[in-house]
N, C-alpha and C. Protein backbone atom coordinates (compact mmCIF):
# COMPACT_ATOMS: atom_id res chain seq x y z
N MET A 1 -9.65 -20.89 -1.48
CA MET A 1 -8.90 -19.72 -1.06
C MET A 1 -9.40 -18.52 -1.87
N ALA A 2 -9.60 -17.42 -1.21
CA ALA A 2 -10.07 -16.19 -1.86
C ALA A 2 -8.89 -15.24 -2.05
N ARG A 3 -9.02 -14.35 -3.01
CA ARG A 3 -8.00 -13.33 -3.25
C ARG A 3 -8.67 -11.97 -3.14
N SER A 4 -7.95 -11.01 -2.56
CA SER A 4 -8.51 -9.68 -2.37
C SER A 4 -7.39 -8.64 -2.46
N THR A 5 -7.78 -7.37 -2.50
CA THR A 5 -6.83 -6.25 -2.47
C THR A 5 -7.33 -5.21 -1.49
N MET A 6 -6.41 -4.40 -1.00
CA MET A 6 -6.80 -3.28 -0.16
C MET A 6 -5.77 -2.16 -0.34
N GLU A 7 -6.22 -0.95 -0.11
CA GLU A 7 -5.35 0.22 -0.20
C GLU A 7 -5.15 0.76 1.21
N VAL A 8 -3.88 0.86 1.60
CA VAL A 8 -3.54 1.25 2.97
C VAL A 8 -2.28 2.12 2.97
N ALA A 9 -1.99 2.72 4.11
CA ALA A 9 -0.78 3.52 4.28
C ALA A 9 0.38 2.57 4.60
N PHE A 10 1.42 2.61 3.79
CA PHE A 10 2.58 1.71 3.94
C PHE A 10 3.45 2.13 5.11
N LEU A 11 3.89 1.15 5.91
CA LEU A 11 4.81 1.42 7.01
C LEU A 11 6.15 0.72 6.83
N GLY A 12 6.16 -0.50 6.31
CA GLY A 12 7.44 -1.17 6.12
C GLY A 12 7.28 -2.65 5.82
N THR A 13 8.39 -3.27 5.43
CA THR A 13 8.45 -4.72 5.27
C THR A 13 9.58 -5.23 6.15
N GLN A 14 9.47 -6.48 6.55
CA GLN A 14 10.45 -7.07 7.45
C GLN A 14 10.64 -8.53 7.07
N MET A 15 11.90 -9.01 7.11
CA MET A 15 12.17 -10.41 6.84
C MET A 15 13.17 -10.95 7.85
N THR A 16 12.88 -12.14 8.34
CA THR A 16 13.76 -12.85 9.25
C THR A 16 13.94 -14.25 8.68
N GLN A 17 15.17 -14.74 8.70
CA GLN A 17 15.41 -16.09 8.20
C GLN A 17 15.96 -16.93 9.35
N VAL A 18 15.29 -18.06 9.60
CA VAL A 18 15.72 -19.01 10.61
C VAL A 18 15.96 -20.33 9.91
N ASP A 19 17.20 -20.77 9.93
CA ASP A 19 17.61 -21.97 9.19
C ASP A 19 17.26 -21.77 7.72
N ASP A 20 16.40 -22.60 7.17
CA ASP A 20 16.04 -22.47 5.75
C ASP A 20 14.65 -21.88 5.55
N THR A 21 14.07 -21.32 6.60
CA THR A 21 12.72 -20.79 6.52
C THR A 21 12.74 -19.27 6.63
N LYS A 22 12.03 -18.60 5.70
CA LYS A 22 11.92 -17.14 5.72
C LYS A 22 10.57 -16.75 6.33
N TYR A 23 10.63 -15.79 7.23
CA TYR A 23 9.42 -15.22 7.81
C TYR A 23 9.39 -13.75 7.40
N ALA A 24 8.41 -13.39 6.60
CA ALA A 24 8.33 -12.02 6.09
C ALA A 24 6.97 -11.43 6.41
N LYS A 25 6.97 -10.11 6.66
CA LYS A 25 5.73 -9.38 6.96
C LYS A 25 5.75 -8.04 6.27
N VAL A 26 4.56 -7.55 5.97
CA VAL A 26 4.38 -6.19 5.52
C VAL A 26 3.55 -5.50 6.60
N PHE A 27 3.95 -4.28 6.95
CA PHE A 27 3.24 -3.52 7.98
C PHE A 27 2.55 -2.33 7.33
N TYR A 28 1.32 -2.08 7.75
CA TYR A 28 0.57 -0.95 7.21
C TYR A 28 -0.23 -0.29 8.32
N GLY A 29 -0.63 0.94 8.05
CA GLY A 29 -1.39 1.70 9.02
C GLY A 29 -2.87 1.70 8.68
N ASP A 30 -3.67 1.75 9.71
CA ASP A 30 -5.11 1.77 9.54
C ASP A 30 -5.69 2.81 10.50
N GLU A 31 -6.94 3.14 10.30
CA GLU A 31 -7.60 4.09 11.19
C GLU A 31 -7.66 3.51 12.59
N PRO A 32 -7.37 4.31 13.62
CA PRO A 32 -7.44 3.81 14.99
C PRO A 32 -8.88 3.57 15.41
N ASP A 33 -9.07 2.68 16.36
CA ASP A 33 -10.43 2.39 16.81
C ASP A 33 -10.93 3.39 17.85
N GLY A 34 -10.03 4.22 18.39
CA GLY A 34 -10.44 5.25 19.36
C GLY A 34 -10.65 4.71 20.76
N LYS A 35 -10.56 3.40 20.94
CA LYS A 35 -10.76 2.80 22.26
C LYS A 35 -9.44 2.28 22.83
N THR A 36 -8.70 1.57 21.99
CA THR A 36 -7.44 0.98 22.47
C THR A 36 -6.22 1.64 21.85
N GLU A 37 -6.45 2.51 20.85
CA GLU A 37 -5.32 3.18 20.20
C GLU A 37 -5.77 4.50 19.60
N HIS A 38 -4.84 5.42 19.52
CA HIS A 38 -5.07 6.72 18.91
C HIS A 38 -3.96 6.97 17.92
N GLY A 39 -4.18 7.82 16.94
CA GLY A 39 -3.16 8.08 15.92
C GLY A 39 -3.31 7.11 14.78
N LEU A 40 -2.37 6.22 14.63
CA LEU A 40 -2.37 5.27 13.53
C LEU A 40 -2.28 3.86 14.09
N SER A 41 -3.17 2.99 13.65
CA SER A 41 -3.15 1.60 14.07
C SER A 41 -2.13 0.85 13.21
N ILE A 42 -1.20 0.14 13.82
CA ILE A 42 -0.17 -0.60 13.08
C ILE A 42 -0.59 -2.05 12.97
N ILE A 43 -0.67 -2.54 11.73
CA ILE A 43 -1.11 -3.91 11.47
C ILE A 43 -0.05 -4.61 10.64
N GLY A 44 0.23 -5.85 10.97
CA GLY A 44 1.18 -6.65 10.21
C GLY A 44 0.45 -7.77 9.47
N MET A 45 0.92 -8.08 8.28
CA MET A 45 0.36 -9.17 7.49
C MET A 45 1.52 -10.05 7.03
N ALA A 46 1.39 -11.34 7.22
CA ALA A 46 2.42 -12.26 6.75
C ALA A 46 2.48 -12.22 5.22
N ILE A 47 3.67 -12.43 4.69
CA ILE A 47 3.86 -12.49 3.24
C ILE A 47 3.96 -13.95 2.85
N ALA A 48 3.28 -14.34 1.78
CA ALA A 48 3.33 -15.73 1.31
C ALA A 48 4.79 -16.11 1.06
N GLU A 49 5.15 -17.33 1.43
CA GLU A 49 6.55 -17.77 1.35
C GLU A 49 7.13 -17.64 -0.05
N ASP A 50 6.35 -17.98 -1.08
CA ASP A 50 6.87 -17.92 -2.45
C ASP A 50 6.96 -16.50 -2.99
N ALA A 51 6.38 -15.50 -2.28
CA ALA A 51 6.45 -14.11 -2.71
C ALA A 51 7.30 -13.26 -1.75
N ALA A 52 7.91 -13.90 -0.76
CA ALA A 52 8.60 -13.17 0.30
C ALA A 52 9.70 -12.24 -0.22
N ASP A 53 10.58 -12.74 -1.09
CA ASP A 53 11.68 -11.91 -1.58
C ASP A 53 11.18 -10.72 -2.38
N GLU A 54 10.20 -10.96 -3.25
CA GLU A 54 9.68 -9.89 -4.13
C GLU A 54 8.96 -8.81 -3.33
N VAL A 55 8.09 -9.20 -2.41
CA VAL A 55 7.34 -8.22 -1.63
C VAL A 55 8.27 -7.47 -0.67
N PHE A 56 9.19 -8.18 -0.06
CA PHE A 56 10.14 -7.53 0.84
C PHE A 56 10.95 -6.48 0.09
N ALA A 57 11.48 -6.84 -1.09
CA ALA A 57 12.28 -5.90 -1.88
C ALA A 57 11.44 -4.71 -2.35
N ALA A 58 10.18 -4.94 -2.68
CA ALA A 58 9.31 -3.85 -3.14
C ALA A 58 9.12 -2.80 -2.05
N GLY A 59 9.19 -3.20 -0.80
CA GLY A 59 9.02 -2.26 0.30
C GLY A 59 10.05 -1.14 0.32
N ALA A 60 11.20 -1.36 -0.31
CA ALA A 60 12.26 -0.34 -0.32
C ALA A 60 11.89 0.87 -1.17
N GLN A 61 10.92 0.74 -2.07
CA GLN A 61 10.60 1.85 -2.97
C GLN A 61 9.49 2.76 -2.46
N PHE A 62 8.88 2.44 -1.31
CA PHE A 62 7.77 3.25 -0.81
C PHE A 62 8.20 4.13 0.35
N ALA A 63 7.66 5.33 0.38
CA ALA A 63 7.89 6.26 1.49
C ALA A 63 6.95 5.90 2.64
N PRO A 64 7.33 6.18 3.87
CA PRO A 64 6.41 5.94 4.98
C PRO A 64 5.08 6.68 4.75
N LEU A 65 4.02 5.99 5.00
CA LEU A 65 2.64 6.46 4.87
C LEU A 65 2.18 6.63 3.41
N GLU A 66 3.00 6.22 2.44
CA GLU A 66 2.58 6.26 1.04
C GLU A 66 1.42 5.27 0.86
N LEU A 67 0.43 5.65 0.07
CA LEU A 67 -0.72 4.78 -0.16
C LEU A 67 -0.32 3.66 -1.11
N VAL A 68 -0.48 2.41 -0.66
CA VAL A 68 -0.12 1.24 -1.46
C VAL A 68 -1.32 0.32 -1.59
N ARG A 69 -1.27 -0.52 -2.60
CA ARG A 69 -2.30 -1.54 -2.83
C ARG A 69 -1.65 -2.90 -2.56
N ILE A 70 -2.20 -3.64 -1.62
CA ILE A 70 -1.69 -4.97 -1.29
C ILE A 70 -2.66 -6.01 -1.83
N THR A 71 -2.14 -6.94 -2.63
CA THR A 71 -2.93 -8.07 -3.11
C THR A 71 -2.59 -9.25 -2.20
N PHE A 72 -3.60 -9.94 -1.70
CA PHE A 72 -3.35 -11.02 -0.76
C PHE A 72 -4.36 -12.14 -0.91
N ASP A 73 -3.94 -13.33 -0.50
CA ASP A 73 -4.81 -14.49 -0.44
C ASP A 73 -5.36 -14.59 0.96
N VAL A 74 -6.60 -15.04 1.06
CA VAL A 74 -7.22 -15.29 2.35
C VAL A 74 -7.36 -16.81 2.47
N ALA A 75 -6.52 -17.40 3.30
CA ALA A 75 -6.55 -18.84 3.51
C ALA A 75 -7.29 -19.13 4.81
N ARG A 76 -7.80 -20.32 4.91
CA ARG A 76 -8.48 -20.71 6.15
C ARG A 76 -7.44 -20.86 7.25
N GLY A 77 -7.68 -20.19 8.35
CA GLY A 77 -6.78 -20.28 9.49
C GLY A 77 -7.43 -21.08 10.60
N GLY A 78 -6.87 -21.00 11.78
CA GLY A 78 -7.44 -21.71 12.93
C GLY A 78 -8.74 -21.08 13.39
N GLN A 79 -9.58 -21.87 14.03
CA GLN A 79 -10.86 -21.42 14.60
C GLN A 79 -11.73 -20.70 13.57
N ASN A 80 -11.71 -21.20 12.33
CA ASN A 80 -12.52 -20.65 11.23
C ASN A 80 -12.26 -19.18 10.95
N LYS A 81 -11.05 -18.72 11.22
CA LYS A 81 -10.67 -17.35 10.91
C LYS A 81 -9.83 -17.35 9.64
N GLY A 82 -9.91 -16.27 8.90
CA GLY A 82 -9.09 -16.14 7.70
C GLY A 82 -7.66 -15.77 8.05
N LYS A 83 -6.73 -16.24 7.24
CA LYS A 83 -5.32 -15.90 7.41
C LYS A 83 -4.89 -15.20 6.13
N ASN A 84 -4.55 -13.92 6.23
CA ASN A 84 -4.15 -13.14 5.06
C ASN A 84 -2.67 -13.33 4.77
N LEU A 85 -2.35 -13.62 3.50
CA LEU A 85 -0.97 -13.78 3.06
C LEU A 85 -0.72 -12.86 1.88
N ALA A 86 0.13 -11.85 2.09
CA ALA A 86 0.43 -10.87 1.04
C ALA A 86 1.14 -11.54 -0.13
N LEU A 87 0.74 -11.16 -1.35
CA LEU A 87 1.34 -11.71 -2.57
C LEU A 87 2.07 -10.66 -3.38
N TYR A 88 1.57 -9.40 -3.32
CA TYR A 88 2.09 -8.35 -4.19
C TYR A 88 1.77 -7.01 -3.57
N ILE A 89 2.67 -6.05 -3.77
CA ILE A 89 2.44 -4.71 -3.24
C ILE A 89 2.86 -3.70 -4.31
N GLU A 90 2.03 -2.68 -4.50
CA GLU A 90 2.32 -1.66 -5.51
C GLU A 90 1.80 -0.32 -5.03
N ALA A 91 2.37 0.76 -5.58
CA ALA A 91 1.89 2.11 -5.25
C ALA A 91 0.52 2.32 -5.87
N VAL A 92 -0.35 2.99 -5.15
CA VAL A 92 -1.68 3.30 -5.70
C VAL A 92 -1.54 4.29 -6.85
N THR A 93 -0.70 5.31 -6.67
CA THR A 93 -0.40 6.27 -7.73
C THR A 93 1.07 6.11 -8.08
N PRO A 94 1.38 5.43 -9.19
CA PRO A 94 2.78 5.23 -9.55
C PRO A 94 3.52 6.57 -9.68
N LYS A 95 4.78 6.57 -9.30
CA LYS A 95 5.59 7.79 -9.38
C LYS A 95 5.61 8.29 -10.82
N GLY A 96 5.53 9.60 -10.98
CA GLY A 96 5.54 10.19 -12.31
C GLY A 96 4.16 10.27 -12.93
N GLN A 97 3.16 9.76 -12.24
CA GLN A 97 1.80 9.82 -12.77
C GLN A 97 0.89 10.58 -11.82
N ALA A 98 1.42 11.59 -11.20
CA ALA A 98 0.61 12.40 -10.29
C ALA A 98 -0.52 13.04 -11.08
N THR A 99 -1.68 13.04 -10.49
CA THR A 99 -2.83 13.59 -11.20
C THR A 99 -2.88 15.10 -11.02
N LYS A 100 -3.26 15.80 -12.10
CA LYS A 100 -3.44 17.25 -12.03
C LYS A 100 -4.88 17.51 -11.61
N PRO A 101 -5.09 18.52 -10.80
CA PRO A 101 -6.47 18.81 -10.40
C PRO A 101 -7.29 19.23 -11.63
N ALA A 102 -8.46 18.67 -11.74
CA ALA A 102 -9.34 19.00 -12.87
C ALA A 102 -10.00 20.36 -12.63
N ALA A 103 -10.27 21.07 -13.70
CA ALA A 103 -10.93 22.37 -13.59
C ALA A 103 -12.37 22.16 -13.14
N GLN A 104 -12.82 22.99 -12.23
CA GLN A 104 -14.18 22.90 -11.75
C GLN A 104 -15.13 23.49 -12.79
N PRO A 105 -16.31 22.93 -12.93
CA PRO A 105 -17.27 23.51 -13.88
C PRO A 105 -17.57 24.96 -13.51
N GLY A 106 -17.66 25.80 -14.49
CA GLY A 106 -17.97 27.20 -14.26
C GLY A 106 -16.73 28.06 -14.08
N GLN A 107 -15.56 27.44 -13.89
CA GLN A 107 -14.34 28.22 -13.75
C GLN A 107 -13.77 28.48 -15.14
N GLN A 108 -13.21 29.66 -15.28
CA GLN A 108 -12.60 30.00 -16.57
C GLN A 108 -11.17 29.50 -16.59
N GLN A 109 -10.78 28.97 -17.72
CA GLN A 109 -9.41 28.55 -17.91
C GLN A 109 -8.56 29.79 -18.20
N PRO A 110 -7.35 29.87 -17.69
CA PRO A 110 -6.50 31.03 -18.00
C PRO A 110 -6.20 31.09 -19.48
N LYS A 111 -6.22 32.31 -20.02
CA LYS A 111 -5.96 32.49 -21.45
C LYS A 111 -4.45 32.67 -21.65
N PRO A 112 -3.93 32.09 -22.72
CA PRO A 112 -2.50 32.27 -22.98
C PRO A 112 -2.22 33.74 -23.29
N ALA A 113 -1.06 34.20 -22.86
CA ALA A 113 -0.67 35.59 -23.10
C ALA A 113 -0.42 35.80 -24.59
N GLU A 114 -0.85 36.96 -25.07
CA GLU A 114 -0.64 37.26 -26.49
C GLU A 114 0.81 37.66 -26.72
N ALA A 115 1.29 37.31 -27.86
CA ALA A 115 2.67 37.69 -28.22
C ALA A 115 2.73 39.18 -28.45
N PRO A 116 3.82 39.85 -28.04
CA PRO A 116 3.93 41.28 -28.25
C PRO A 116 3.96 41.61 -29.76
N LYS A 117 3.30 42.72 -30.11
CA LYS A 117 3.27 43.12 -31.52
C LYS A 117 4.45 44.04 -31.82
N ALA A 118 5.00 43.86 -32.98
CA ALA A 118 6.17 44.67 -33.36
C ALA A 118 5.77 45.93 -34.05
């Protein structure tokens, strides 16, 4: 089994419980293919059963279209296709750590104002 990560636009998490089994998914947006869809392509990924509660609850902290990083396992699926199972989801830029734009080379930094003289 392989493990991977990807950064995508967050759309939501969903959980359904039938008897004693939980079915959970994370939904994210991707670039449209321009042939069968326009705007935002909506993709769902199953959440691993042992991570379902944690990943589902984490979805409550993200705004729609916020950039998130999903860590997932790629298990062998039917017909030699991979089956992605989400394990963890986090914000790409954690709240409170917004980056300040860096000064461009050649630009002058503003000078602090001088204190008035008495």
